[in-house]
């Protein structure tokens, strides 16, 4: 809507990004603060949020967070998402890309959804869709501008010079991903080929929503180097760098935290890290690493 403004709004407005509904809105009291690893802040979330088992978490992932469907206004999930995709392409995409092949663009969204929560492979998405790499790049820009997808950029600084440059791609709504990848029940999704990637996608999106919903900026990254050492998410706060690993496990092992040591080479001190997982209670791997239930975000 910004392009409709007839005069400058500088100094007189704030721009808020409105994502789909958050976990706190759907399954909690609606109270929210930006996600941090502060123990007092996590204790608040224990009071605010509704606990969930592993299967219940995949129910949340599968159901998605679109207001039109989750409000109960539309009861048929398949019909809602098929109509959503059709309306999005016919209205928003057609305005941004004149003469777009709508069926081809629908195939493109599906190809992107199959790779949610993974490092971006532009060529593979283009190949699956039957378009050039350059066209796929432009179409991903449309999805990003529409806030269908977002990226995590790789974390790097002058002391971590072996890091790779490729971003990871995520969808804001995992219900859309589950629909496009044709998972018909939460149970099948939980045991399916993308169960880890879509759990990571859900977790990353929910963390970012906690910042957006408070009108705060967030600088989240992921880490991967040329030796294939990786960390799912990394964020800087108050002069420290905090690593996050996302696991489907309900009882992650202590070896997971050892991957965080790669960040000790960074010029920014490493602070508290966390394993975000399907455990139902807050715990710790060691004194530097918490075990945080994903339902608590």
Protein backbone atom coordinates (compact mmCIF):
# COMPACT_ATOMS: atom_id res chain seq x y z
CA UNK A 1 0.00 0.00 0.00
CA UNK A 2 3.02 2.33 0.35
CA UNK A 3 2.98 3.12 -3.37
CA UNK A 4 -0.49 4.69 -2.94
CA UNK A 5 0.81 7.43 -0.66
CA UNK A 6 0.56 10.85 -2.33
CA UNK A 7 3.27 12.54 -0.22
CA UNK A 8 6.25 11.60 1.87
CA UNK A 9 5.52 9.96 5.21
CA UNK A 10 9.04 10.40 6.54
CA UNK A 11 9.04 11.20 10.25
CA UNK A 12 5.30 10.54 10.62
CA UNK A 13 4.90 6.81 10.35
CA UNK A 14 6.26 3.45 11.38
CA UNK A 15 6.34 0.49 9.01
CA UNK A 16 5.19 -2.76 10.60
CA UNK A 17 5.47 -6.11 8.82
CA UNK A 18 2.34 -8.17 9.40
CA UNK A 19 3.05 -11.88 9.24
CA UNK A 20 0.55 -14.69 9.56
CA UNK A 21 -0.63 -15.56 13.08
CA UNK A 22 1.97 -16.51 15.64
CA UNK A 23 2.08 -19.46 17.99
CA UNK A 24 1.40 -17.10 20.89
CA UNK A 25 -1.77 -15.84 19.20
CA UNK A 26 -3.03 -19.28 18.21
CA UNK A 27 -2.06 -21.37 21.23
CA UNK A 28 -1.23 -18.97 24.04
CA UNK A 29 -2.44 -15.87 25.77
CA UNK A 30 -1.36 -13.63 22.91
CA UNK A 31 1.33 -12.03 25.05
CA UNK A 32 4.70 -11.87 23.38
CA UNK A 33 8.20 -10.52 23.65
CA UNK A 34 11.14 -10.95 21.30
CA UNK A 35 12.55 -14.44 21.77
CA UNK A 36 15.73 -14.52 23.85
CA UNK A 37 17.56 -17.08 25.93
CA UNK A 38 17.15 -15.14 29.16
CA UNK A 39 15.84 -17.52 31.82
CA UNK A 40 13.38 -14.95 33.27
CA UNK A 41 12.03 -14.33 29.74
CA UNK A 42 11.68 -18.06 29.10
CA UNK A 43 9.87 -18.46 32.44
CA UNK A 44 7.29 -15.93 31.23
CA UNK A 45 6.75 -17.98 28.09
CA UNK A 46 6.06 -21.03 30.23
CA UNK A 47 3.10 -19.14 31.67
CA UNK A 48 1.97 -17.64 28.37
CA UNK A 49 2.17 -20.59 26.03
CA UNK A 50 0.26 -23.87 25.75
CA UNK A 51 2.55 -26.95 25.97
CA UNK A 52 2.43 -29.44 23.11
CA UNK A 53 3.56 -32.99 22.44
CA UNK A 54 5.59 -33.89 19.34
CA UNK A 55 2.47 -34.83 17.38
CA UNK A 56 0.67 -31.68 18.55
CA UNK A 57 3.59 -29.62 17.24
CA UNK A 58 3.26 -31.21 13.81
CA UNK A 59 -0.48 -30.52 13.98
CA UNK A 60 0.41 -26.83 14.43
CA UNK A 61 2.86 -27.00 11.55
CA UNK A 62 0.38 -28.75 9.25
CA UNK A 63 -2.56 -26.49 10.12
CA UNK A 64 -0.51 -23.38 9.39
CA UNK A 65 -1.15 -19.87 10.57
CA UNK A 66 -3.29 -18.13 7.96
CA UNK A 67 -5.95 -15.98 9.69
CA UNK A 68 -8.67 -16.81 7.16
CA UNK A 69 -8.42 -20.52 7.86
CA UNK A 70 -7.42 -20.51 11.53
CA UNK A 71 -10.22 -18.10 12.46
CA UNK A 72 -12.76 -20.73 11.39
CA UNK A 73 -14.13 -18.55 8.62
CA UNK A 74 -13.10 -21.23 6.13
CA UNK A 75 -13.34 -24.81 7.36
CA UNK A 76 -12.05 -26.80 4.39
CA UNK A 77 -8.26 -26.62 4.58
CA UNK A 78 -7.61 -27.92 1.07
CA UNK A 79 -10.12 -25.53 -0.45
CA UNK A 80 -8.71 -22.61 1.54
CA UNK A 81 -5.12 -23.14 0.44
CA UNK A 82 -5.98 -23.89 -3.19
CA UNK A 83 -8.05 -20.69 -3.28
CA UNK A 84 -5.27 -18.77 -1.53
CA UNK A 85 -2.66 -19.82 -4.10
CA UNK A 86 -4.99 -19.10 -7.01
CA UNK A 87 -5.96 -15.68 -5.64
CA UNK A 88 -2.35 -14.78 -4.86
CA UNK A 89 -1.21 -15.62 -8.39
CA UNK A 90 -4.19 -14.08 -10.16
CA UNK A 91 -4.07 -10.85 -8.18
CA UNK A 92 -0.70 -10.09 -6.58
CA UNK A 93 1.64 -11.95 -8.93
CA UNK A 94 -0.20 -10.81 -12.05
CA UNK A 95 0.22 -7.20 -10.90
CA UNK A 96 3.97 -7.64 -10.35
CA UNK A 97 4.70 -9.79 -13.43
CA UNK A 98 2.79 -8.77 -16.51
CA UNK A 99 1.71 -11.72 -18.65
CA UNK A 100 2.92 -14.34 -16.18
CA UNK A 101 2.05 -17.97 -16.97
CA UNK A 102 -0.11 -18.70 -13.94
CA UNK A 103 0.11 -22.49 -14.10
CA UNK A 104 3.88 -22.28 -14.46
CA UNK A 105 4.13 -19.94 -11.49
CA UNK A 106 2.03 -22.34 -9.40
CA UNK A 107 4.52 -25.10 -10.27
CA UNK A 108 7.31 -22.74 -9.27
CA UNK A 109 5.83 -22.15 -5.80
CA UNK A 110 5.52 -25.91 -5.30
CA UNK A 111 9.13 -26.44 -6.34
CA UNK A 112 10.22 -23.79 -3.84
CA UNK A 113 8.07 -25.31 -1.08
CA UNK A 114 9.79 -28.68 -1.56
CA UNK A 115 13.02 -26.94 -0.54
CA UNK A 116 11.76 -24.92 2.44
CA UNK A 117 14.21 -24.91 5.33
CA UNK A 118 17.15 -25.75 3.07
CA UNK A 119 20.03 -23.90 1.47
CA UNK A 120 18.79 -22.16 -1.64
CA UNK A 121 19.47 -24.07 -4.86
CA UNK A 122 18.19 -21.71 -7.49
CA UNK A 123 19.18 -23.94 -10.40
CA UNK A 124 17.28 -26.97 -9.06
CA UNK A 125 14.10 -24.92 -8.55
CA UNK A 126 14.42 -23.51 -12.07
CA UNK A 127 15.08 -26.96 -13.53
CA UNK A 128 12.06 -28.51 -11.80
CA UNK A 129 9.85 -25.71 -13.09
CA UNK A 130 11.27 -25.55 -16.61
CA UNK A 131 12.37 -21.92 -16.48
CA UNK A 132 15.75 -20.21 -16.67
CA UNK A 133 17.80 -19.49 -13.57
CA UNK A 134 17.32 -15.76 -14.14
CA UNK A 135 13.54 -16.10 -14.29
CA UNK A 136 13.57 -18.22 -11.13
CA UNK A 137 15.62 -15.53 -9.41
CA UNK A 138 13.12 -12.84 -10.38
CA UNK A 139 10.20 -15.00 -9.26
CA UNK A 140 11.82 -15.67 -5.89
CA UNK A 141 12.11 -11.90 -5.50
CA UNK A 142 8.35 -11.70 -6.03
CA UNK A 143 7.74 -14.34 -3.33
CA UNK A 144 10.04 -12.47 -0.97
CA UNK A 145 8.41 -9.11 -1.70
CA UNK A 146 5.00 -10.70 -1.05
CA UNK A 147 6.36 -12.08 2.24
CA UNK A 148 5.60 -15.64 1.23
CA UNK A 149 9.25 -16.53 1.81
CA UNK A 150 12.19 -15.12 3.74
CA UNK A 151 15.88 -15.90 3.94
CA UNK A 152 18.49 -16.46 6.59
CA UNK A 153 21.85 -15.20 5.41
CA UNK A 154 25.06 -16.99 6.44
CA UNK A 155 26.81 -15.59 9.49
CA UNK A 156 30.35 -14.42 8.95
CA UNK A 157 32.95 -11.99 10.19
CA UNK A 158 36.61 -11.31 9.53
CA UNK A 159 37.74 -14.26 11.67
CA UNK A 160 35.35 -16.79 10.09
CA UNK A 161 36.62 -16.66 6.54
CA UNK A 162 35.68 -20.19 5.47
CA UNK A 163 31.94 -19.61 5.65
CA UNK A 164 29.79 -20.14 2.56
CA UNK A 165 27.67 -17.42 0.97
CA UNK A 166 24.42 -19.20 0.05
CA UNK A 167 21.26 -18.21 2.02
CA UNK A 168 18.65 -20.59 3.39
CA UNK A 169 15.03 -20.18 2.28
CA UNK A 170 11.95 -20.44 4.48
CA UNK A 171 8.19 -19.90 4.14
CA UNK A 172 6.33 -17.78 6.66
CA UNK A 173 3.43 -20.26 6.72
CA UNK A 174 4.21 -23.97 7.09
CA UNK A 175 0.60 -24.89 6.39
CA UNK A 176 1.16 -23.63 2.85
CA UNK A 177 4.32 -25.74 2.59
CA UNK A 178 2.48 -28.86 3.81
CA UNK A 179 -0.35 -28.19 1.32
CA UNK A 180 1.99 -27.63 -1.63
CA UNK A 181 4.06 -30.72 -0.82
CA UNK A 182 0.85 -32.78 -0.51
CA UNK A 183 1.07 -34.00 3.08
CA UNK A 184 -2.50 -34.88 3.98
CA UNK A 185 -2.22 -35.38 7.76
CA UNK A 186 0.04 -34.21 10.58
CA UNK A 187 0.99 -37.83 11.30
CA UNK A 188 2.24 -38.40 7.75
CA UNK A 189 4.09 -35.09 7.85
CA UNK A 190 5.79 -35.97 11.15
CA UNK A 191 7.18 -39.15 9.60
CA UNK A 192 7.74 -37.81 6.10
CA UNK A 193 10.86 -36.85 4.19
CA UNK A 194 10.64 -33.13 5.04
CA UNK A 195 9.87 -33.54 8.77
CA UNK A 196 13.18 -32.01 9.87
CA UNK A 197 13.25 -29.22 7.31
CA UNK A 198 9.66 -28.12 7.97
CA UNK A 199 10.23 -28.18 11.74
CA UNK A 200 13.24 -25.92 11.25
CA UNK A 201 11.15 -23.70 8.96
CA UNK A 202 8.38 -23.43 11.55
CA UNK A 203 10.81 -22.62 14.35
CA UNK A 204 12.67 -19.95 12.38
CA UNK A 205 9.42 -18.30 11.28
CA UNK A 206 7.99 -18.27 14.81
CA UNK A 207 11.13 -16.70 16.28
CA UNK A 208 11.08 -13.95 13.67
CA UNK A 209 7.37 -13.33 14.31
CA UNK A 210 8.11 -12.62 17.98
CA UNK A 211 10.24 -9.69 16.86
CA UNK A 212 7.94 -8.46 14.13
CA UNK A 213 4.91 -8.54 16.40
CA UNK A 214 6.74 -6.27 18.85
CA UNK A 215 7.87 -3.89 16.10
CA UNK A 216 11.48 -4.91 16.71
CA UNK A 217 14.19 -5.65 14.19
CA UNK A 218 15.97 -8.98 14.28
CA UNK A 219 19.31 -10.04 12.85
CA UNK A 220 19.22 -13.80 12.47
CA UNK A 221 21.61 -15.87 10.45
CA UNK A 222 22.73 -19.46 10.05
CA UNK A 223 26.27 -20.82 10.03
CA UNK A 224 27.90 -23.22 7.62
CA UNK A 225 31.51 -23.39 6.53
CA UNK A 226 33.45 -25.15 3.82
CA UNK A 227 34.14 -28.03 6.21
CA UNK A 228 30.35 -28.69 6.40
CA UNK A 229 30.12 -27.57 10.04
CA UNK A 230 26.75 -25.90 10.52
CA UNK A 231 24.45 -24.29 13.06
CA UNK A 232 20.77 -23.85 12.22
CA UNK A 233 20.39 -20.29 13.53
CA UNK A 234 22.66 -17.63 15.00
CA UNK A 235 21.77 -14.24 16.42
CA UNK A 236 23.67 -11.37 17.97
CA UNK A 237 22.37 -9.58 21.04
CA UNK A 238 23.98 -7.29 23.62
CA UNK A 239 27.48 -7.90 22.33
CA UNK A 240 27.23 -11.70 22.27
CA UNK A 241 26.52 -14.29 19.60
CA UNK A 242 23.95 -16.98 20.41
CA UNK A 243 23.77 -20.30 18.49
CA UNK A 244 20.52 -22.26 18.06
CA UNK A 245 20.15 -25.83 16.87
CA UNK A 246 16.72 -27.19 15.88
CA UNK A 247 16.05 -30.89 16.40
CA UNK A 248 13.06 -33.20 16.08
CA UNK A 249 14.28 -35.14 19.12
CA UNK A 250 12.54 -34.98 22.52
CA UNK A 251 15.82 -35.76 24.28
CA UNK A 252 18.74 -34.28 22.32
CA UNK A 253 22.22 -35.50 23.16
CA UNK A 254 25.02 -33.43 24.65
CA UNK A 255 27.10 -33.79 21.46
CA UNK A 256 24.87 -31.25 19.71
CA UNK A 257 26.25 -28.39 21.76
CA UNK A 258 29.81 -29.23 20.71
CA UNK A 259 29.05 -27.82 17.25
CA UNK A 260 28.66 -24.38 18.82
CA UNK A 261 32.38 -24.22 19.64
CA UNK A 262 33.18 -23.28 16.06
CA UNK A 263 31.88 -19.80 16.90
CA UNK A 264 34.59 -19.36 19.53
CA UNK A 265 36.80 -18.21 16.65
CA UNK A 266 34.47 -15.29 16.05
CA UNK A 267 35.43 -11.77 17.08
CA UNK A 268 32.12 -11.61 18.98
CA UNK A 269 32.00 -13.56 22.30
CA UNK A 270 29.76 -16.64 22.32
CA UNK A 271 26.88 -16.37 24.78
CA UNK A 272 24.21 -18.84 25.85
CA UNK A 273 23.08 -21.24 23.13
CA UNK A 274 20.07 -23.51 22.88
CA UNK A 275 18.77 -26.68 21.33
CA UNK A 276 15.17 -26.02 20.23
CA UNK A 277 13.38 -29.33 20.13
CA UNK A 278 10.19 -31.30 20.78
CA UNK A 279 10.90 -31.78 24.48
CA UNK A 280 7.92 -30.67 26.58
CA UNK A 281 9.84 -29.00 29.43
CA UNK A 282 12.63 -26.42 29.69
CA UNK A 283 15.98 -27.98 30.55
CA UNK A 284 19.70 -27.67 29.78
CA UNK A 285 22.39 -29.63 27.98
CA UNK A 286 25.14 -27.94 30.00
CA UNK A 287 25.70 -24.61 31.70
CA UNK A 288 26.18 -22.85 28.34
CA UNK A 289 23.37 -24.53 26.40
CA UNK A 290 19.64 -24.67 27.17
CA UNK A 291 17.11 -27.17 25.86
CA UNK A 292 14.04 -25.15 24.90
CA UNK A 293 10.70 -26.63 23.76
CA UNK A 294 9.59 -25.22 20.41
CA UNK A 295 6.09 -24.70 21.82
CA UNK A 296 7.63 -22.07 24.13
CA UNK A 297 8.60 -19.67 21.31
